[in-house]
Amino acid sequence: MSSEQELLTKWRSLPQEKQEEVLDFVEFLGLKNSANKIPLGEHLQQIRNRIVASGKNLLDEDGIEKELVSARGGLGGIFRFEKT
């Protein structure tokens, strides 16, 4: 089995969410090594568009705070977003 076939077989065995993560990572690697790098803002917009197209909800301020607290092992309240 070639590396390409092995990768595809393993990718197909992953849940949809993990498949999307793999695609994002592959895209990241391609951009990292690309001579024609797109601006960060454009790349972030592309990621946002894929999330919206997938039907997933975007995080609001509370959702972002919860993600940060989770990533910090429960340490929250260090940074607060102020509405402008």
PDB file of N, CA and C in Angstrom:
ATOM      1  N   MET A   1       0.846  -1.177   0.000  1.00  0.00           N
ATOM      2  CA  MET A   1       0.000   0.000   0.000  1.00  0.00           C
ATOM      3  C   MET A   1       0.894   1.244   0.000  1.00  0.00           C
ATOM      4  N   SER A   2       0.597   2.171  -0.887  1.00  0.00           N
ATOM      5  CA  SER A   2       1.393   3.391  -0.960  1.00  0.00           C
ATOM      6  C   SER A   2       1.062   4.307   0.219  1.00  0.00           C
ATOM      7  N   SER A   3       1.929   5.257   0.461  1.00  0.00           N
ATOM      8  CA  SER A   3       1.704   6.227   1.542  1.00  0.00           C
ATOM      9  C   SER A   3       0.387   6.981   1.325  1.00  0.00           C
ATOM     10  N   GLU A   4       0.103   7.325   0.080  1.00  0.00           N
ATOM     11  CA  GLU A   4      -1.128   8.042  -0.233  1.00  0.00           C
ATOM     12  C   GLU A   4      -2.353   7.191   0.103  1.00  0.00           C
ATOM     13  N   GLN A   5      -2.320   5.934  -0.271  1.00  0.00           N
ATOM     14  CA  GLN A   5      -3.441   5.036   0.015  1.00  0.00           C
ATOM     15  C   GLN A   5      -3.594   4.813   1.517  1.00  0.00           C
ATOM     16  N   GLU A   6      -2.465   4.660   2.204  1.00  0.00           N
ATOM     17  CA  GLU A   6      -2.504   4.459   3.650  1.00  0.00           C
ATOM     18  C   GLU A   6      -3.102   5.674   4.349  1.00  0.00           C
ATOM     19  N   LEU A   7      -2.680   6.861   3.926  1.00  0.00           N
ATOM     20  CA  LEU A   7      -3.207   8.088   4.513  1.00  0.00           C
ATOM     21  C   LEU A   7      -4.707   8.198   4.278  1.00  0.00           C
ATOM     22  N   LEU A   8      -5.155   7.924   3.069  1.00  0.00           N
ATOM     23  CA  LEU A   8      -6.571   8.001   2.737  1.00  0.00           C
ATOM     24  C   LEU A   8      -7.383   6.995   3.539  1.00  0.00           C
ATOM     25  N   THR A   9      -6.878   5.790   3.702  1.00  0.00           N
ATOM     26  CA  THR A   9      -7.574   4.768   4.487  1.00  0.00           C
ATOM     27  C   THR A   9      -7.725   5.209   5.939  1.00  0.00           C
ATOM     28  N   LYS A  10      -6.653   5.730   6.509  1.00  0.00           N
ATOM     29  CA  LYS A  10      -6.700   6.192   7.902  1.00  0.00           C
ATOM     30  C   LYS A  10      -7.620   7.397   8.041  1.00  0.00           C
ATOM     31  N   TRP A  11      -7.567   8.313   7.075  1.00  0.00           N
ATOM     32  CA  TRP A  11      -8.407   9.515   7.109  1.00  0.00           C
ATOM     33  C   TRP A  11      -9.883   9.127   7.070  1.00  0.00           C
ATOM     34  N   ARG A  12     -10.229   8.172   6.226  1.00  0.00           N
ATOM     35  CA  ARG A  12     -11.623   7.743   6.100  1.00  0.00           C
ATOM     36  C   ARG A  12     -12.150   7.098   7.383  1.00  0.00           C
ATOM     37  N   SER A  13     -11.265   6.551   8.211  1.00  0.00           N
ATOM     38  CA  SER A  13     -11.701   5.903   9.445  1.00  0.00           C
ATOM     39  C   SER A  13     -11.958   6.907  10.572  1.00  0.00           C
ATOM     40  N   LEU A  14     -11.586   8.167  10.346  1.00  0.00           N
ATOM     41  CA  LEU A  14     -11.771   9.203  11.371  1.00  0.00           C
ATOM     42  C   LEU A  14     -13.190   9.755  11.333  1.00  0.00           C
ATOM     43  N   PRO A  15     -13.666  10.262  12.498  1.00  0.00           N
ATOM     44  CA  PRO A  15     -14.957  10.966  12.491  1.00  0.00           C
ATOM     45  C   PRO A  15     -14.845  12.249  11.650  1.00  0.00           C
ATOM     46  N   GLN A  16     -15.984  12.760  11.180  1.00  0.00           N
ATOM     47  CA  GLN A  16     -16.026  13.945  10.321  1.00  0.00           C
ATOM     48  C   GLN A  16     -15.230  15.116  10.908  1.00  0.00           C
ATOM     49  N   GLU A  17     -15.393  15.364  12.202  1.00  0.00           N
ATOM     50  CA  GLU A  17     -14.700  16.489  12.850  1.00  0.00           C
ATOM     51  C   GLU A  17     -13.179  16.336  12.740  1.00  0.00           C
ATOM     52  N   LYS A  18     -12.689  15.129  12.953  1.00  0.00           N
ATOM     53  CA  LYS A  18     -11.253  14.885  12.872  1.00  0.00           C
ATOM     54  C   LYS A  18     -10.763  14.959  11.429  1.00  0.00           C
ATOM     55  N   GLN A  19     -11.583  14.533  10.474  1.00  0.00           N
ATOM     56  CA  GLN A  19     -11.217  14.661   9.069  1.00  0.00           C
ATOM     57  C   GLN A  19     -11.008  16.131   8.714  1.00  0.00           C
ATOM     58  N   GLU A  20     -11.896  16.997   9.220  1.00  0.00           N
ATOM     59  CA  GLU A  20     -11.772  18.436   8.964  1.00  0.00           C
ATOM     60  C   GLU A  20     -10.492  18.990   9.584  1.00  0.00           C
ATOM     61  N   GLU A  21     -10.144  18.504  10.771  1.00  0.00           N
ATOM     62  CA  GLU A  21      -8.898  18.943  11.414  1.00  0.00           C
ATOM     63  C   GLU A  21      -7.691  18.540  10.572  1.00  0.00           C
ATOM     64  N   VAL A  22      -7.722  17.338  10.032  1.00  0.00           N
ATOM     65  CA  VAL A  22      -6.622  16.866   9.177  1.00  0.00           C
ATOM     66  C   VAL A  22      -6.513  17.761   7.941  1.00  0.00           C
ATOM     67  N   LEU A  23      -7.647  18.065   7.325  1.00  0.00           N
ATOM     68  CA  LEU A  23      -7.623  18.947   6.151  1.00  0.00           C
ATOM     69  C   LEU A  23      -7.073  20.322   6.495  1.00  0.00           C
ATOM     70  N   ASP A  24      -7.482  20.862   7.645  1.00  0.00           N
ATOM     71  CA  ASP A  24      -6.951  22.157   8.078  1.00  0.00           C
ATOM     72  C   ASP A  24      -5.443  22.094   8.276  1.00  0.00           C
ATOM     73  N   PHE A  25      -4.973  20.988   8.873  1.00  0.00           N
ATOM     74  CA  PHE A  25      -3.544  20.846   9.112  1.00  0.00           C
ATOM     75  C   PHE A  25      -2.770  20.742   7.807  1.00  0.00           C
ATOM     76  N   VAL A  26      -3.300  19.966   6.861  1.00  0.00           N
ATOM     77  CA  VAL A  26      -2.640  19.829   5.561  1.00  0.00           C
ATOM     78  C   VAL A  26      -2.599  21.183   4.859  1.00  0.00           C
ATOM     79  N   GLU A  27      -3.704  21.927   4.948  1.00  0.00           N
ATOM     80  CA  GLU A  27      -3.729  23.262   4.351  1.00  0.00           C
ATOM     81  C   GLU A  27      -2.692  24.162   5.014  1.00  0.00           C
ATOM     82  N   PHE A  28      -2.590  24.073   6.346  1.00  0.00           N
ATOM     83  CA  PHE A  28      -1.597  24.853   7.081  1.00  0.00           C
ATOM     84  C   PHE A  28      -0.187  24.520   6.602  1.00  0.00           C
ATOM     85  N   LEU A  29       0.109  23.238   6.453  1.00  0.00           N
ATOM     86  CA  LEU A  29       1.433  22.841   5.977  1.00  0.00           C
ATOM     87  C   LEU A  29       1.703  23.380   4.577  1.00  0.00           C
ATOM     88  N   GLY A  30       0.677  23.331   3.726  1.00  0.00           N
ATOM     89  CA  GLY A  30       0.833  23.862   2.372  1.00  0.00           C
ATOM     90  C   GLY A  30       1.086  25.346   2.375  1.00  0.00           C
ATOM     91  N   LEU A  31       0.376  26.073   3.222  1.00  0.00           N
ATOM     92  CA  LEU A  31       0.564  27.522   3.301  1.00  0.00           C
ATOM     93  C   LEU A  31       1.931  27.868   3.892  1.00  0.00           C
ATOM     94  N   LYS A  32       2.335  27.081   4.857  1.00  0.00           N
ATOM     95  CA  LYS A  32       3.618  27.318   5.524  1.00  0.00           C
ATOM     96  C   LYS A  32       4.775  27.211   4.528  1.00  0.00           C
ATOM     97  N   ASN A  33       4.645  26.302   3.586  1.00  0.00           N
ATOM     98  CA  ASN A  33       5.714  26.062   2.627  1.00  0.00           C
ATOM     99  C   ASN A  33       5.471  26.723   1.272  1.00  0.00           C
ATOM    100  N   SER A  34       4.373  27.437   1.171  1.00  0.00           N
ATOM    101  CA  SER A  34       4.004  28.040  -0.102  1.00  0.00           C
ATOM    102  C   SER A  34       4.779  29.324  -0.365  1.00  0.00           C
ATOM    103  N   ALA A  35       5.214  29.478  -1.606  1.00  0.00           N
ATOM    104  CA  ALA A  35       5.879  30.728  -1.994  1.00  0.00           C
ATOM    105  C   ALA A  35       4.851  31.832  -2.163  1.00  0.00           C
ATOM    106  N   ASN A  36       3.601  31.459  -2.428  1.00  0.00           N
ATOM    107  CA  ASN A  36       2.523  32.426  -2.630  1.00  0.00           C
ATOM    108  C   ASN A  36       1.638  32.475  -1.390  1.00  0.00           C
ATOM    109  N   LYS A  37       2.200  32.868  -0.279  1.00  0.00           N
ATOM    110  CA  LYS A  37       1.444  32.905   0.961  1.00  0.00           C
ATOM    111  C   LYS A  37       0.350  33.962   0.880  1.00  0.00           C
ATOM    112  N   ILE A  38      -0.830  33.585   1.373  1.00  0.00           N
ATOM    113  CA  ILE A  38      -1.909  34.549   1.421  1.00  0.00           C
ATOM    114  C   ILE A  38      -1.844  35.286   2.761  1.00  0.00           C
ATOM    115  N   PRO A  39      -2.348  36.499   2.807  1.00  0.00           N
ATOM    116  CA  PRO A  39      -2.327  37.248   4.068  1.00  0.00           C
ATOM    117  C   PRO A  39      -3.114  36.503   5.158  1.00  0.00           C
ATOM    118  N   LEU A  40      -2.684  36.685   6.396  1.00  0.00           N
ATOM    119  CA  LEU A  40      -3.306  35.991   7.520  1.00  0.00           C
ATOM    120  C   LEU A  40      -4.801  36.276   7.583  1.00  0.00           C
ATOM    121  N   GLY A  41      -5.197  37.517   7.395  1.00  0.00           N
ATOM    122  CA  GLY A  41      -6.613  37.864   7.463  1.00  0.00           C
ATOM    123  C   GLY A  41      -7.438  37.085   6.451  1.00  0.00           C
ATOM    124  N   GLU A  42      -6.909  36.931   5.256  1.00  0.00           N
ATOM    125  CA  GLU A  42      -7.608  36.183   4.220  1.00  0.00           C
ATOM    126  C   GLU A  42      -7.708  34.707   4.598  1.00  0.00           C
ATOM    127  N   HIS A  43      -6.630  34.168   5.154  1.00  0.00           N
ATOM    128  CA  HIS A  43      -6.630  32.770   5.583  1.00  0.00           C
ATOM    129  C   HIS A  43      -7.659  32.553   6.700  1.00  0.00           C
ATOM    130  N   LEU A  44      -7.700  33.470   7.660  1.00  0.00           N
ATOM    131  CA  LEU A  44      -8.671  33.354   8.745  1.00  0.00           C
ATOM    132  C   LEU A  44     -10.099  33.445   8.213  1.00  0.00           C
ATOM    133  N   GLN A  45     -10.327  34.295   7.223  1.00  0.00           N
ATOM    134  CA  GLN A  45     -11.653  34.406   6.615  1.00  0.00           C
ATOM    135  C   GLN A  45     -12.037  33.098   5.923  1.00  0.00           C
ATOM    136  N   GLN A  46     -11.072  32.456   5.267  1.00  0.00           N
ATOM    137  CA  GLN A  46     -11.342  31.173   4.624  1.00  0.00           C
ATOM    138  C   GLN A  46     -11.726  30.115   5.654  1.00  0.00           C
ATOM    139  N   ILE A  47     -11.021  30.104   6.775  1.00  0.00           N
ATOM    140  CA  ILE A  47     -11.336  29.157   7.846  1.00  0.00           C
ATOM    141  C   ILE A  47     -12.741  29.426   8.377  1.00  0.00           C
ATOM    142  N   ARG A  48     -13.059  30.706   8.604  1.00  0.00           N
ATOM    143  CA  ARG A  48     -14.388  31.080   9.088  1.00  0.00           C
ATOM    144  C   ARG A  48     -15.457  30.633   8.100  1.00  0.00           C
ATOM    145  N   ASN A  49     -15.220  30.851   6.825  1.00  0.00           N
ATOM    146  CA  ASN A  49     -16.193  30.458   5.804  1.00  0.00           C
ATOM    147  C   ASN A  49     -16.435  28.954   5.816  1.00  0.00           C
ATOM    148  N   ARG A  50     -15.369  28.159   6.022  1.00  0.00           N
ATOM    149  CA  ARG A  50     -15.531  26.702   6.077  1.00  0.00           C
ATOM    150  C   ARG A  50     -16.352  26.294   7.302  1.00  0.00           C
ATOM    151  N   ILE A  51     -16.122  26.967   8.427  1.00  0.00           N
ATOM    152  CA  ILE A  51     -16.885  26.662   9.641  1.00  0.00           C
ATOM    153  C   ILE A  51     -18.360  26.977   9.418  1.00  0.00           C
ATOM    154  N   VAL A  52     -18.642  28.154   8.871  1.00  0.00           N
ATOM    155  CA  VAL A  52     -20.030  28.548   8.610  1.00  0.00           C
ATOM    156  C   VAL A  52     -20.678  27.572   7.631  1.00  0.00           C
ATOM    157  N   ALA A  53     -19.956  27.205   6.575  1.00  0.00           N
ATOM    158  CA  ALA A  53     -20.493  26.285   5.571  1.00  0.00           C
ATOM    159  C   ALA A  53     -20.772  24.904   6.158  1.00  0.00           C
ATOM    160  N   SER A  54     -20.018  24.526   7.180  1.00  0.00           N
ATOM    161  CA  SER A  54     -20.220  23.210   7.796  1.00  0.00           C
ATOM    162  C   SER A  54     -21.460  23.177   8.687  1.00  0.00           C
ATOM    163  N   GLY A  55     -22.018  24.352   8.972  1.00  0.00           N
ATOM    164  CA  GLY A  55     -23.215  24.415   9.819  1.00  0.00           C
ATOM    165  C   GLY A  55     -22.909  24.559  11.292  1.00  0.00           C
ATOM    166  N   LYS A  56     -21.638  24.575  11.639  1.00  0.00           N
ATOM    167  CA  LYS A  56     -21.275  24.747  13.048  1.00  0.00           C
ATOM    168  C   LYS A  56     -21.479  26.200  13.448  1.00  0.00           C
ATOM    169  N   ASN A  57     -21.798  26.393  14.717  1.00  0.00           N
ATOM    170  CA  ASN A  57     -21.976  27.744  15.224  1.00  0.00           C
ATOM    171  C   ASN A  57     -20.626  28.374  15.541  1.00  0.00           C
ATOM    172  N   LEU A  58     -20.509  29.654  15.236  1.00  0.00           N
ATOM    173  CA  LEU A  58     -19.311  30.393  15.612  1.00  0.00           C
ATOM    174  C   LEU A  58     -19.393  30.719  17.100  1.00  0.00           C
ATOM    175  N   LEU A  59     -18.254  30.851  17.738  1.00  0.00           N
ATOM    176  CA  LEU A  59     -18.231  31.182  19.158  1.00  0.00           C
ATOM    177  C   LEU A  59     -18.560  32.653  19.367  1.00  0.00           C
ATOM    178  N   ASP A  60     -19.354  32.928  20.416  1.00  0.00           N
ATOM    179  CA  ASP A  60     -19.564  34.307  20.836  1.00  0.00           C
ATOM    180  C   ASP A  60     -18.536  34.595  21.938  1.00  0.00           C
ATOM    181  N   GLU A  61     -18.639  35.768  22.567  1.00  0.00           N
ATOM    182  CA  GLU A  61     -17.650  36.137  23.590  1.00  0.00           C
ATOM    183  C   GLU A  61     -17.626  35.144  24.745  1.00  0.00           C
ATOM    184  N   ASP A  62     -18.802  34.689  25.177  1.00  0.00           N
ATOM    185  CA  ASP A  62     -18.847  33.708  26.270  1.00  0.00           C
ATOM    186  C   ASP A  62     -18.214  32.386  25.849  1.00  0.00           C
ATOM    187  N   GLY A  63     -18.475  31.972  24.625  1.00  0.00           N
ATOM    188  CA  GLY A  63     -17.890  30.738  24.109  1.00  0.00           C
ATOM    189  C   GLY A  63     -16.373  30.825  24.032  1.00  0.00           C
ATOM    190  N   ILE A  64     -15.872  31.982  23.611  1.00  0.00           N
ATOM    191  CA  ILE A  64     -14.414  32.183  23.549  1.00  0.00           C
ATOM    192  C   ILE A  64     -13.820  32.102  24.942  1.00  0.00           C
ATOM    193  N   GLU A  65     -14.478  32.750  25.904  1.00  0.00           N
ATOM    194  CA  GLU A  65     -13.992  32.715  27.293  1.00  0.00           C
ATOM    195  C   GLU A  65     -13.957  31.282  27.816  1.00  0.00           C
ATOM    196  N   LYS A  66     -14.991  30.493  27.523  1.00  0.00           N
ATOM    197  CA  LYS A  66     -15.025  29.104  27.972  1.00  0.00           C
ATOM    198  C   LYS A  66     -13.889  28.298  27.341  1.00  0.00           C
ATOM    199  N   GLU A  67     -13.625  28.532  26.053  1.00  0.00           N
ATOM    200  CA  GLU A  67     -12.516  27.854  25.377  1.00  0.00           C
ATOM    201  C   GLU A  67     -11.186  28.213  26.040  1.00  0.00           C
ATOM    202  N   LEU A  68     -11.002  29.495  26.348  1.00  0.00           N
ATOM    203  CA  LEU A  68      -9.759  29.929  26.993  1.00  0.00           C
ATOM    204  C   LEU A  68      -9.601  29.301  28.369  1.00  0.00           C
ATOM    205  N   VAL A  69     -10.681  29.287  29.144  1.00  0.00           N
ATOM    206  CA  VAL A  69     -10.630  28.682  30.476  1.00  0.00           C
ATOM    207  C   VAL A  69     -10.279  27.206  30.364  1.00  0.00           C
ATOM    208  N   SER A  70     -10.906  26.519  29.417  1.00  0.00           N
ATOM    209  CA  SER A  70     -10.628  25.100  29.218  1.00  0.00           C
ATOM    210  C   SER A  70      -9.173  24.878  28.820  1.00  0.00           C
ATOM    211  N   ALA A  71      -8.666  25.702  27.910  1.00  0.00           N
ATOM    212  CA  ALA A  71      -7.283  25.554  27.443  1.00  0.00           C
ATOM    213  C   ALA A  71      -6.279  25.844  28.553  1.00  0.00           C
ATOM    214  N   ARG A  72      -6.675  26.671  29.500  1.00  0.00           N
ATOM    215  CA  ARG A  72      -5.778  27.031  30.608  1.00  0.00           C
ATOM    216  C   ARG A  72      -5.963  26.127  31.815  1.00  0.00           C
ATOM    217  N   GLY A  73      -6.680  25.050  31.652  1.00  0.00           N
ATOM    218  CA  GLY A  73      -6.867  24.120  32.760  1.00  0.00           C
ATOM    219  C   GLY A  73      -7.739  24.688  33.861  1.00  0.00           C
ATOM    220  N   GLY A  74      -8.720  25.518  33.509  1.00  0.00           N
ATOM    221  CA  GLY A  74      -9.648  26.062  34.498  1.00  0.00           C
ATOM    222  C   GLY A  74      -9.282  27.433  35.011  1.00  0.00           C
ATOM    223  N   LEU A  75      -8.188  27.990  34.539  1.00  0.00           N
ATOM    224  CA  LEU A  75      -7.786  29.333  34.981  1.00  0.00           C
ATOM    225  C   LEU A  75      -8.449  30.366  34.094  1.00  0.00           C
ATOM    226  N   GLY A  76      -9.489  30.959  34.583  1.00  0.00           N
ATOM    227  CA  GLY A  76     -10.225  31.940  33.788  1.00  0.00           C
ATOM    228  C   GLY A  76     -10.144  33.322  34.394  1.00  0.00           C
ATOM    229  N   GLY A  77     -10.755  34.254  33.703  1.00  0.00           N
ATOM    230  CA  GLY A  77     -10.847  35.619  34.206  1.00  0.00           C
ATOM    231  C   GLY A  77      -9.581  36.436  34.076  1.00  0.00           C
ATOM    232  N   ILE A  78      -8.558  35.888  33.435  1.00  0.00           N
ATOM    233  CA  ILE A  78      -7.312  36.642  33.283  1.00  0.00           C
ATOM    234  C   ILE A  78      -7.499  37.754  32.269  1.00  0.00           C
ATOM    235  N   PHE A  79      -8.153  37.434  31.176  1.00  0.00           N
ATOM    236  CA  PHE A  79      -8.438  38.418  30.147  1.00  0.00           C
ATOM    237  C   PHE A  79      -9.936  38.534  29.991  1.00  0.00           C
ATOM    238  N   ARG A  80     -10.411  39.729  29.851  1.00  0.00           N
ATOM    239  CA  ARG A  80     -11.837  39.962  29.622  1.00  0.00           C
ATOM    240  C   ARG A  80     -11.992  40.769  28.363  1.00  0.00           C
ATOM    241  N   PHE A  81     -13.009  40.438  27.597  1.00  0.00           N
ATOM    242  CA  PHE A  81     -13.314  41.196  26.401  1.00  0.00           C
ATOM    243  C   PHE A  81     -14.201  42.368  26.788  1.00  0.00           C
ATOM    244  N   GLU A  82     -13.886  43.520  26.279  1.00  0.00           N
ATOM    245  CA  GLU A  82     -14.721  44.680  26.512  1.00  0.00           C
ATOM    246  C   GLU A  82     -15.453  45.018  25.234  1.00  0.00           C
ATOM    247  N   LYS A  83     -16.751  45.206  25.354  1.00  0.00           N
ATOM    248  CA  LYS A  83     -17.545  45.567  24.193  1.00  0.00           C
ATOM    249  C   LYS A  83     -17.280  47.022  23.849  1.00  0.00           C
ATOM    250  N   THR A  84     -17.095  47.255  22.544  1.00  0.00           N
ATOM    251  CA  THR A  84     -16.834  48.633  22.096  1.00  0.00           C
ATOM    252  C   THR A  84     -18.023  49.180  21.372  1.00  0.00           C
TER     253      THR A  84
END
